[in-house]
Amino acid sequence: GFGTLRSVIEAGSDREAIARMKQRYKNITDVSINRVMVWQDITRQTHTQEGKKD
């Protein structure tokens, strides 16, 4: 009856919330990885420029 329907709806909303949390976490992780990669590119460029001076 209604109890089953309610639990199905609650489970569905939980699943959506979990999916949203996973997506948000993935976005944060992607941004962090991108920042690290950009930072590595910047430091690598600085090192190569210093090497060219010599």
PDB file of N, CA and C in Angstrom:
ATOM      1  N   GLY A   1       0.806  -1.203   0.000  1.00  0.00           N
ATOM      2  CA  GLY A   1       0.000   0.000   0.000  1.00  0.00           C
ATOM      3  C   GLY A   1       0.848   1.266   0.000  1.00  0.00           C
ATOM      4  N   PHE A   2       0.363   2.244   0.762  1.00  0.00           N
ATOM      5  CA  PHE A   2       1.040   3.545   0.774  1.00  0.00           C
ATOM      6  C   PHE A   2       2.438   3.455   1.386  1.00  0.00           C
ATOM      7  N   GLY A   3       2.597   2.586   2.377  1.00  0.00           N
ATOM      8  CA  GLY A   3       3.906   2.459   3.027  1.00  0.00           C
ATOM      9  C   GLY A   3       4.982   2.077   2.026  1.00  0.00           C
ATOM     10  N   THR A   4       4.659   1.104   1.163  1.00  0.00           N
ATOM     11  CA  THR A   4       5.628   0.671   0.161  1.00  0.00           C
ATOM     12  C   THR A   4       5.942   1.801  -0.803  1.00  0.00           C
ATOM     13  N   LEU A   5       4.885   2.488  -1.247  1.00  0.00           N
ATOM     14  CA  LEU A   5       5.064   3.584  -2.195  1.00  0.00           C
ATOM     15  C   LEU A   5       5.946   4.669  -1.585  1.00  0.00           C
ATOM     16  N   ARG A   6       5.689   4.987  -0.310  1.00  0.00           N
ATOM     17  CA  ARG A   6       6.470   6.033   0.351  1.00  0.00           C
ATOM     18  C   ARG A   6       7.941   5.619   0.440  1.00  0.00           C
ATOM     19  N   SER A   7       8.196   4.362   0.796  1.00  0.00           N
ATOM     20  CA  SER A   7       9.587   3.920   0.921  1.00  0.00           C
ATOM     21  C   SER A   7      10.280   3.937  -0.434  1.00  0.00           C
ATOM     22  N   VAL A   8       9.535   3.608  -1.492  1.00  0.00           N
ATOM     23  CA  VAL A   8      10.110   3.659  -2.840  1.00  0.00           C
ATOM     24  C   VAL A   8      10.469   5.099  -3.193  1.00  0.00           C
ATOM     25  N   ILE A   9       9.562   6.033  -2.890  1.00  0.00           N
ATOM     26  CA  ILE A   9       9.821   7.447  -3.199  1.00  0.00           C
ATOM     27  C   ILE A   9      11.021   7.940  -2.389  1.00  0.00           C
ATOM     28  N   GLU A  10      11.074   7.575  -1.102  1.00  0.00           N
ATOM     29  CA  GLU A  10      12.186   8.014  -0.260  1.00  0.00           C
ATOM     30  C   GLU A  10      13.497   7.426  -0.759  1.00  0.00           C
ATOM     31  N   ALA A  11      13.464   6.148  -1.150  1.00  0.00           N
ATOM     32  CA  ALA A  11      14.672   5.524  -1.674  1.00  0.00           C
ATOM     33  C   ALA A  11      15.114   6.221  -2.955  1.00  0.00           C
ATOM     34  N   GLY A  12      14.138   6.583  -3.795  1.00  0.00           N
ATOM     35  CA  GLY A  12      14.455   7.274  -5.040  1.00  0.00           C
ATOM     36  C   GLY A  12      15.083   8.629  -4.780  1.00  0.00           C
ATOM     37  N   SER A  13      14.522   9.380  -3.819  1.00  0.00           N
ATOM     38  CA  SER A  13      15.071  10.701  -3.525  1.00  0.00           C
ATOM     39  C   SER A  13      16.454  10.561  -2.898  1.00  0.00           C
ATOM     40  N   ASP A  14      16.650   9.520  -2.075  1.00  0.00           N
ATOM     41  CA  ASP A  14      17.976   9.275  -1.506  1.00  0.00           C
ATOM     42  C   ASP A  14      18.970   9.003  -2.617  1.00  0.00           C
ATOM     43  N   ARG A  15      18.558   8.190  -3.587  1.00  0.00           N
ATOM     44  CA  ARG A  15      19.449   7.842  -4.690  1.00  0.00           C
ATOM     45  C   ARG A  15      19.822   9.102  -5.473  1.00  0.00           C
ATOM     46  N   GLU A  16      18.819   9.979  -5.683  1.00  0.00           N
ATOM     47  CA  GLU A  16      19.099  11.229  -6.400  1.00  0.00           C
ATOM     48  C   GLU A  16      20.055  12.103  -5.599  1.00  0.00           C
ATOM     49  N   ALA A  17      19.843  12.166  -4.287  1.00  0.00           N
ATOM     50  CA  ALA A  17      20.713  12.979  -3.437  1.00  0.00           C
ATOM     51  C   ALA A  17      22.135  12.433  -3.461  1.00  0.00           C
ATOM     52  N   ILE A  18      22.262  11.098  -3.388  1.00  0.00           N
ATOM     53  CA  ILE A  18      23.587  10.475  -3.436  1.00  0.00           C
ATOM     54  C   ILE A  18      24.242  10.757  -4.780  1.00  0.00           C
ATOM     55  N   ALA A  19      23.466  10.652  -5.856  1.00  0.00           N
ATOM     56  CA  ALA A  19      24.011  10.920  -7.190  1.00  0.00           C
ATOM     57  C   ALA A  19      24.473  12.367  -7.291  1.00  0.00           C
ATOM     58  N   ARG A  20      23.677  13.290  -6.738  1.00  0.00           N
ATOM     59  CA  ARG A  20      24.075  14.704  -6.756  1.00  0.00           C
ATOM     60  C   ARG A  20      25.356  14.907  -5.961  1.00  0.00           C
ATOM     61  N   MET A  21      25.445  14.277  -4.779  1.00  0.00           N
ATOM     62  CA  MET A  21      26.640  14.411  -3.955  1.00  0.00           C
ATOM     63  C   MET A  21      27.857  13.867  -4.695  1.00  0.00           C
ATOM     64  N   LYS A  22      27.691  12.702  -5.335  1.00  0.00           N
ATOM     65  CA  LYS A  22      28.800  12.124  -6.098  1.00  0.00           C
ATOM     66  C   LYS A  22      29.225  13.060  -7.217  1.00  0.00           C
ATOM     67  N   GLN A  23      28.255  13.641  -7.915  1.00  0.00           N
ATOM     68  CA  GLN A  23      28.567  14.548  -9.022  1.00  0.00           C
ATOM     69  C   GLN A  23      29.309  15.768  -8.497  1.00  0.00           C
ATOM     70  N   ARG A  24      28.822  16.329  -7.384  1.00  0.00           N
ATOM     71  CA  ARG A  24      29.467  17.511  -6.809  1.00  0.00           C
ATOM     72  C   ARG A  24      30.892  17.169  -6.385  1.00  0.00           C
ATOM     73  N   TYR A  25      31.042  15.995  -5.739  1.00  0.00           N
ATOM     74  CA  TYR A  25      32.369  15.581  -5.287  1.00  0.00           C
ATOM     75  C   TYR A  25      33.299  15.388  -6.475  1.00  0.00           C
ATOM     76  N   LYS A  26      32.764  14.807  -7.562  1.00  0.00           N
ATOM     77  CA  LYS A  26      33.561  14.594  -8.773  1.00  0.00           C
ATOM     78  C   LYS A  26      33.999  15.935  -9.349  1.00  0.00           C
ATOM     79  N   ASN A  27      33.088  16.917  -9.361  1.00  0.00           N
ATOM     80  CA  ASN A  27      33.434  18.240  -9.879  1.00  0.00           C
ATOM     81  C   ASN A  27      34.543  18.866  -9.051  1.00  0.00           C
ATOM     82  N   ILE A  28      34.436  18.765  -7.712  1.00  0.00           N
ATOM     83  CA  ILE A  28      35.465  19.324  -6.829  1.00  0.00           C
ATOM     84  C   ILE A  28      36.794  18.633  -7.096  1.00  0.00           C
ATOM     85  N   THR A  29      36.755  17.294  -7.252  1.00  0.00           N
ATOM     86  CA  THR A  29      37.985  16.549  -7.508  1.00  0.00           C
ATOM     87  C   THR A  29      38.591  16.969  -8.835  1.00  0.00           C
ATOM     88  N   ASP A  30      37.754  17.110  -9.874  1.00  0.00           N
ATOM     89  CA  ASP A  30      38.255  17.526 -11.188  1.00  0.00           C
ATOM     90  C   ASP A  30      38.914  18.894 -11.098  1.00  0.00           C
ATOM     91  N   VAL A  31      38.286  19.828 -10.379  1.00  0.00           N
ATOM     92  CA  VAL A  31      38.845  21.179 -10.246  1.00  0.00           C
ATOM     93  C   VAL A  31      40.190  21.111  -9.540  1.00  0.00           C
ATOM     94  N   SER A  32      40.277  20.310  -8.470  1.00  0.00           N
ATOM     95  CA  SER A  32      41.533  20.191  -7.737  1.00  0.00           C
ATOM     96  C   SER A  32      42.621  19.628  -8.636  1.00  0.00           C
ATOM     97  N   ILE A  33      42.300  18.579  -9.407  1.00  0.00           N
ATOM     98  CA  ILE A  33      43.275  17.968 -10.312  1.00  0.00           C
ATOM     99  C   ILE A  33      43.711  18.986 -11.355  1.00  0.00           C
ATOM    100  N   ASN A  34      42.765  19.751 -11.899  1.00  0.00           N
ATOM    101  CA  ASN A  34      43.105  20.761 -12.906  1.00  0.00           C
ATOM    102  C   ASN A  34      44.046  21.799 -12.321  1.00  0.00           C
ATOM    103  N   ARG A  35      43.794  22.244 -11.086  1.00  0.00           N
ATOM    104  CA  ARG A  35      44.659  23.242 -10.450  1.00  0.00           C
ATOM    105  C   ARG A  35      46.061  22.688 -10.281  1.00  0.00           C
ATOM    106  N   VAL A  36      46.161  21.438  -9.844  1.00  0.00           N
ATOM    107  CA  VAL A  36      47.483  20.826  -9.660  1.00  0.00           C
ATOM    108  C   VAL A  36      48.209  20.756 -10.994  1.00  0.00           C
ATOM    109  N   MET A  37      47.510  20.344 -12.051  1.00  0.00           N
ATOM    110  CA  MET A  37      48.141  20.222 -13.368  1.00  0.00           C
ATOM    111  C   MET A  37      48.589  21.588 -13.872  1.00  0.00           C
ATOM    112  N   VAL A  38      47.758  22.618 -13.681  1.00  0.00           N
ATOM    113  CA  VAL A  38      48.130  23.971 -14.102  1.00  0.00           C
ATOM    114  C   VAL A  38      49.351  24.428 -13.322  1.00  0.00           C
ATOM    115  N   TRP A  39      49.358  24.164 -12.010  1.00  0.00           N
ATOM    116  CA  TRP A  39      50.479  24.569 -11.162  1.00  0.00           C
ATOM    117  C   TRP A  39      51.753  23.871 -11.621  1.00  0.00           C
ATOM    118  N   GLN A  40      51.652  22.589 -11.967  1.00  0.00           N
ATOM    119  CA  GLN A  40      52.816  21.847 -12.464  1.00  0.00           C
ATOM    120  C   GLN A  40      53.297  22.442 -13.780  1.00  0.00           C
ATOM    121  N   ASP A  41      52.374  22.812 -14.667  1.00  0.00           N
ATOM    122  CA  ASP A  41      52.754  23.438 -15.940  1.00  0.00           C
ATOM    123  C   ASP A  41      53.499  24.738 -15.685  1.00  0.00           C
ATOM    124  N   ILE A  42      53.009  25.553 -14.749  1.00  0.00           N
ATOM    125  CA  ILE A  42      53.634  26.850 -14.456  1.00  0.00           C
ATOM    126  C   ILE A  42      55.046  26.626 -13.920  1.00  0.00           C
ATOM    127  N   THR A  43      55.201  25.710 -12.971  1.00  0.00           N
ATOM    128  CA  THR A  43      56.526  25.479 -12.391  1.00  0.00           C
ATOM    129  C   THR A  43      57.468  24.917 -13.450  1.00  0.00           C
ATOM    130  N   ARG A  44      56.955  24.057 -14.331  1.00  0.00           N
ATOM    131  CA  ARG A  44      57.792  23.478 -15.381  1.00  0.00           C
ATOM    132  C   ARG A  44      58.258  24.587 -16.334  1.00  0.00           C
ATOM    133  N   GLN A  45      57.359  25.505 -16.698  1.00  0.00           N
ATOM    134  CA  GLN A  45      57.722  26.613 -17.587  1.00  0.00           C
ATOM    135  C   GLN A  45      58.771  27.500 -16.922  1.00  0.00           C
ATOM    136  N   THR A  46      58.626  27.742 -15.626  1.00  0.00           N
ATOM    137  CA  THR A  46      59.588  28.576 -14.905  1.00  0.00           C
ATOM    138  C   THR A  46      60.959  27.922 -14.938  1.00  0.00           C
ATOM    139  N   HIS A  47      61.008  26.615 -14.722  1.00  0.00           N
ATOM    140  CA  HIS A  47      62.288  25.903 -14.718  1.00  0.00           C
ATOM    141  C   HIS A  47      62.939  25.960 -16.097  1.00  0.00           C
ATOM    142  N   THR A  48      62.152  25.773 -17.158  1.00  0.00           N
ATOM    143  CA  THR A  48      62.740  25.776 -18.500  1.00  0.00           C
ATOM    144  C   THR A  48      63.238  27.170 -18.844  1.00  0.00           C
ATOM    145  N   GLN A  49      62.522  28.211 -18.418  1.00  0.00           N
ATOM    146  CA  GLN A  49      62.966  29.587 -18.683  1.00  0.00           C
ATOM    147  C   GLN A  49      64.273  29.873 -17.944  1.00  0.00           C
ATOM    148  N   GLU A  50      64.391  29.398 -16.711  1.00  0.00           N
ATOM    149  CA  GLU A  50      65.623  29.596 -15.955  1.00  0.00           C
ATOM    150  C   GLU A  50      66.769  28.852 -16.620  1.00  0.00           C
ATOM    151  N   GLY A  51      66.456  27.673 -17.171  1.00  0.00           N
ATOM    152  CA  GLY A  51      67.492  26.895 -17.842  1.00  0.00           C
ATOM    153  C   GLY A  51      68.006  27.600 -19.084  1.00  0.00           C
ATOM    154  N   LYS A  52      67.121  28.303 -19.789  1.00  0.00           N
ATOM    155  CA  LYS A  52      67.526  28.984 -21.026  1.00  0.00           C
ATOM    156  C   LYS A  52      68.453  30.165 -20.729  1.00  0.00           C
ATOM    157  N   LYS A  53      68.292  30.792 -19.559  1.00  0.00           N
ATOM    158  CA  LYS A  53      69.112  31.962 -19.217  1.00  0.00           C
ATOM    159  C   LYS A  53      70.591  31.588 -19.174  1.00  0.00           C
ATOM    160  N   ASP A  54      70.900  30.409 -18.650  1.00  0.00           N
ATOM    161  CA  ASP A  54      72.311  30.037 -18.443  1.00  0.00           C
ATOM    162  C   ASP A  54      73.054  29.945 -19.757  1.00  0.00           C
TER     163      ASP A  54
END
